Amino acid sequence: ITTDIQQEKLATIEKKNNSVQITAIGDAKRCSDPKFPVLIQTMNQSPKDTLLKVTFDLKAYLPNHSDPVLDHKYLVSDRIVSPLQTYSACWPVLISGYDPQTLIWRVFRRDVIWQ
C-alpha cells in the first residue's frame, strides 16, 4: 500500500525525469562521418537539476512501417548536462542497406540519474 506521501514523491520523480527529452535524427550535415550518422540530442529541461546519466533505447523505422529495422537497447550517455542545457553528439550506428537520413528515429528513455 502506498501512502499519499509516497505517491507524491513518485509523482515528483516522474515529473523530474520527464524533463529530460532525447531526440535522434539521421543528419548528414552535422554528422558527416558515415560511421557516426545519427545525431542524438539530450535536453535537460529541468530549471535546477543537473543530469548525470541517461539510459535509453534507439529504434529506427522505415517510413510508414511499424517494425523497426534497428533496435539498440540500453544505450548510455554519461554526459553531464546542466539545467536548461542541451547536449548533441553524433552516435555510431551500423545499419547497412539503409540511409539513416530517410529513417524515422525514436528514442525510448529508460533511466535517468541526477546529481
Protein backbone atom coordinates (compact mmCIF):
# COMPACT_ATOMS: atom_id res chain seq x y z
CA ILE A 1 0.00 0.00 0.00
CA THR A 2 1.38 3.36 -0.99
CA THR A 3 0.77 6.40 1.13
CA ASP A 4 -0.09 9.85 -0.13
CA ILE A 5 3.46 10.97 0.68
CA GLN A 6 4.95 8.07 -1.34
CA GLN A 7 2.65 8.83 -4.26
CA GLU A 8 3.64 12.49 -4.09
CA LYS A 9 7.35 11.58 -4.12
CA LEU A 10 6.83 9.25 -7.09
CA ALA A 11 4.95 11.97 -8.97
CA THR A 12 7.78 14.44 -8.29
CA ILE A 13 10.41 11.97 -9.55
CA GLU A 14 8.35 11.20 -12.65
CA LYS A 15 7.92 14.90 -13.41
CA LYS A 16 11.65 15.49 -12.98
CA ASN A 17 12.55 12.52 -15.20
CA ASN A 18 10.10 13.74 -17.85
CA SER A 19 12.09 16.98 -18.03
CA VAL A 20 14.74 15.01 -19.96
CA GLN A 21 13.99 14.84 -23.67
CA ILE A 22 16.09 12.79 -26.08
CA THR A 23 15.75 13.01 -29.84
CA ALA A 24 17.52 11.30 -32.73
CA ILE A 25 17.77 12.05 -36.43
CA GLY A 26 19.90 10.96 -39.36
CA ASP A 27 21.77 14.18 -40.11
CA ALA A 28 24.47 14.11 -42.79
CA LYS A 29 25.23 17.84 -42.36
CA ARG A 30 26.00 17.77 -38.64
CA CYS A 31 27.14 14.13 -38.66
CA SER A 32 29.34 13.97 -41.74
CA ASP A 33 31.29 10.86 -40.68
CA PRO A 34 29.33 7.87 -42.08
CA LYS A 35 30.39 5.81 -39.05
CA PHE A 36 28.53 8.29 -36.79
CA PRO A 37 25.40 9.09 -38.82
CA VAL A 38 22.81 9.75 -36.10
CA LEU A 39 22.54 13.00 -34.18
CA ILE A 40 21.26 12.40 -30.65
CA GLN A 41 20.27 15.41 -28.59
CA THR A 42 19.77 15.25 -24.84
CA MET A 43 17.79 18.19 -23.49
CA ASN A 44 17.71 18.84 -19.76
CA GLN A 45 14.61 20.98 -19.30
CA SER A 46 14.89 20.99 -15.51
CA PRO A 47 15.43 24.54 -14.27
CA LYS A 48 17.58 23.47 -11.32
CA ASP A 49 18.82 19.86 -11.59
CA THR A 50 21.94 18.59 -13.36
CA LEU A 51 21.64 15.42 -15.43
CA LEU A 52 24.44 12.91 -14.84
CA LYS A 53 23.46 9.90 -16.93
CA VAL A 54 20.64 8.62 -19.10
CA THR A 55 19.91 5.13 -20.40
CA PHE A 56 17.75 4.70 -23.50
CA ASP A 57 16.75 2.52 -26.42
CA LEU A 58 17.20 3.70 -30.01
CA LYS A 59 14.97 2.42 -32.79
CA ALA A 60 14.82 3.21 -36.50
CA TYR A 61 11.84 2.62 -38.78
CA LEU A 62 11.21 2.80 -42.47
CA PRO A 63 8.57 5.45 -43.21
CA ASN A 64 5.05 4.05 -42.84
CA HIS A 65 6.25 0.86 -41.10
CA SER A 66 5.68 -0.30 -37.53
CA ASP A 67 8.53 -2.81 -37.12
CA PRO A 68 11.97 -1.29 -36.52
CA VAL A 69 14.85 -2.04 -38.88
CA LEU A 70 17.19 -1.21 -35.99
CA ASP A 71 16.63 -1.75 -32.27
CA HIS A 72 19.54 -0.84 -29.97
CA LYS A 73 18.75 -1.39 -26.31
CA TYR A 74 20.31 0.05 -23.18
CA LEU A 75 22.45 2.76 -24.73
CA VAL A 76 24.07 5.01 -22.14
CA SER A 77 25.11 8.63 -22.21
CA ASP A 78 27.09 9.76 -19.18
CA ARG A 79 27.45 13.28 -20.50
CA ILE A 80 26.69 15.74 -17.71
CA VAL A 81 24.04 18.22 -18.85
CA SER A 82 23.43 21.35 -16.79
CA PRO A 83 19.93 22.69 -16.13
CA LEU A 84 18.18 24.07 -19.22
CA GLN A 85 21.03 22.92 -21.50
CA THR A 86 21.20 20.57 -24.50
CA TYR A 87 23.99 18.22 -25.46
CA SER A 88 24.26 17.00 -29.05
CA ALA A 89 26.52 14.25 -30.39
CA CYS A 90 26.82 12.03 -33.43
CA TRP A 91 26.48 8.39 -32.49
CA PRO A 92 27.84 5.28 -34.24
CA VAL A 93 25.09 3.16 -35.76
CA LEU A 94 25.67 0.19 -38.03
CA ILE A 95 22.71 -0.10 -40.34
CA SER A 96 23.72 -1.49 -43.71
CA GLY A 97 21.35 -1.17 -46.62
CA TYR A 98 19.52 1.89 -45.26
CA ASP A 99 20.13 5.61 -45.50
CA PRO A 100 20.00 6.96 -41.93
CA GLN A 101 18.56 10.23 -43.23
CA THR A 102 15.46 8.51 -44.61
CA LEU A 103 14.65 6.51 -41.48
CA ILE A 104 12.31 7.57 -38.70
CA TRP A 105 14.26 7.55 -35.42
CA ARG A 106 12.69 7.04 -32.00
CA VAL A 107 14.29 7.22 -28.57
CA PHE A 108 12.75 5.49 -25.57
CA ARG A 109 14.14 6.75 -22.26
CA ARG A 110 14.74 4.03 -19.64
CA ASP A 111 16.57 5.55 -16.68
CA VAL A 112 17.74 8.98 -15.56
CA ILE A 113 20.36 9.74 -12.91
CA TRP A 114 20.56 13.21 -11.39
CA GLN A 115 23.24 14.95 -9.40
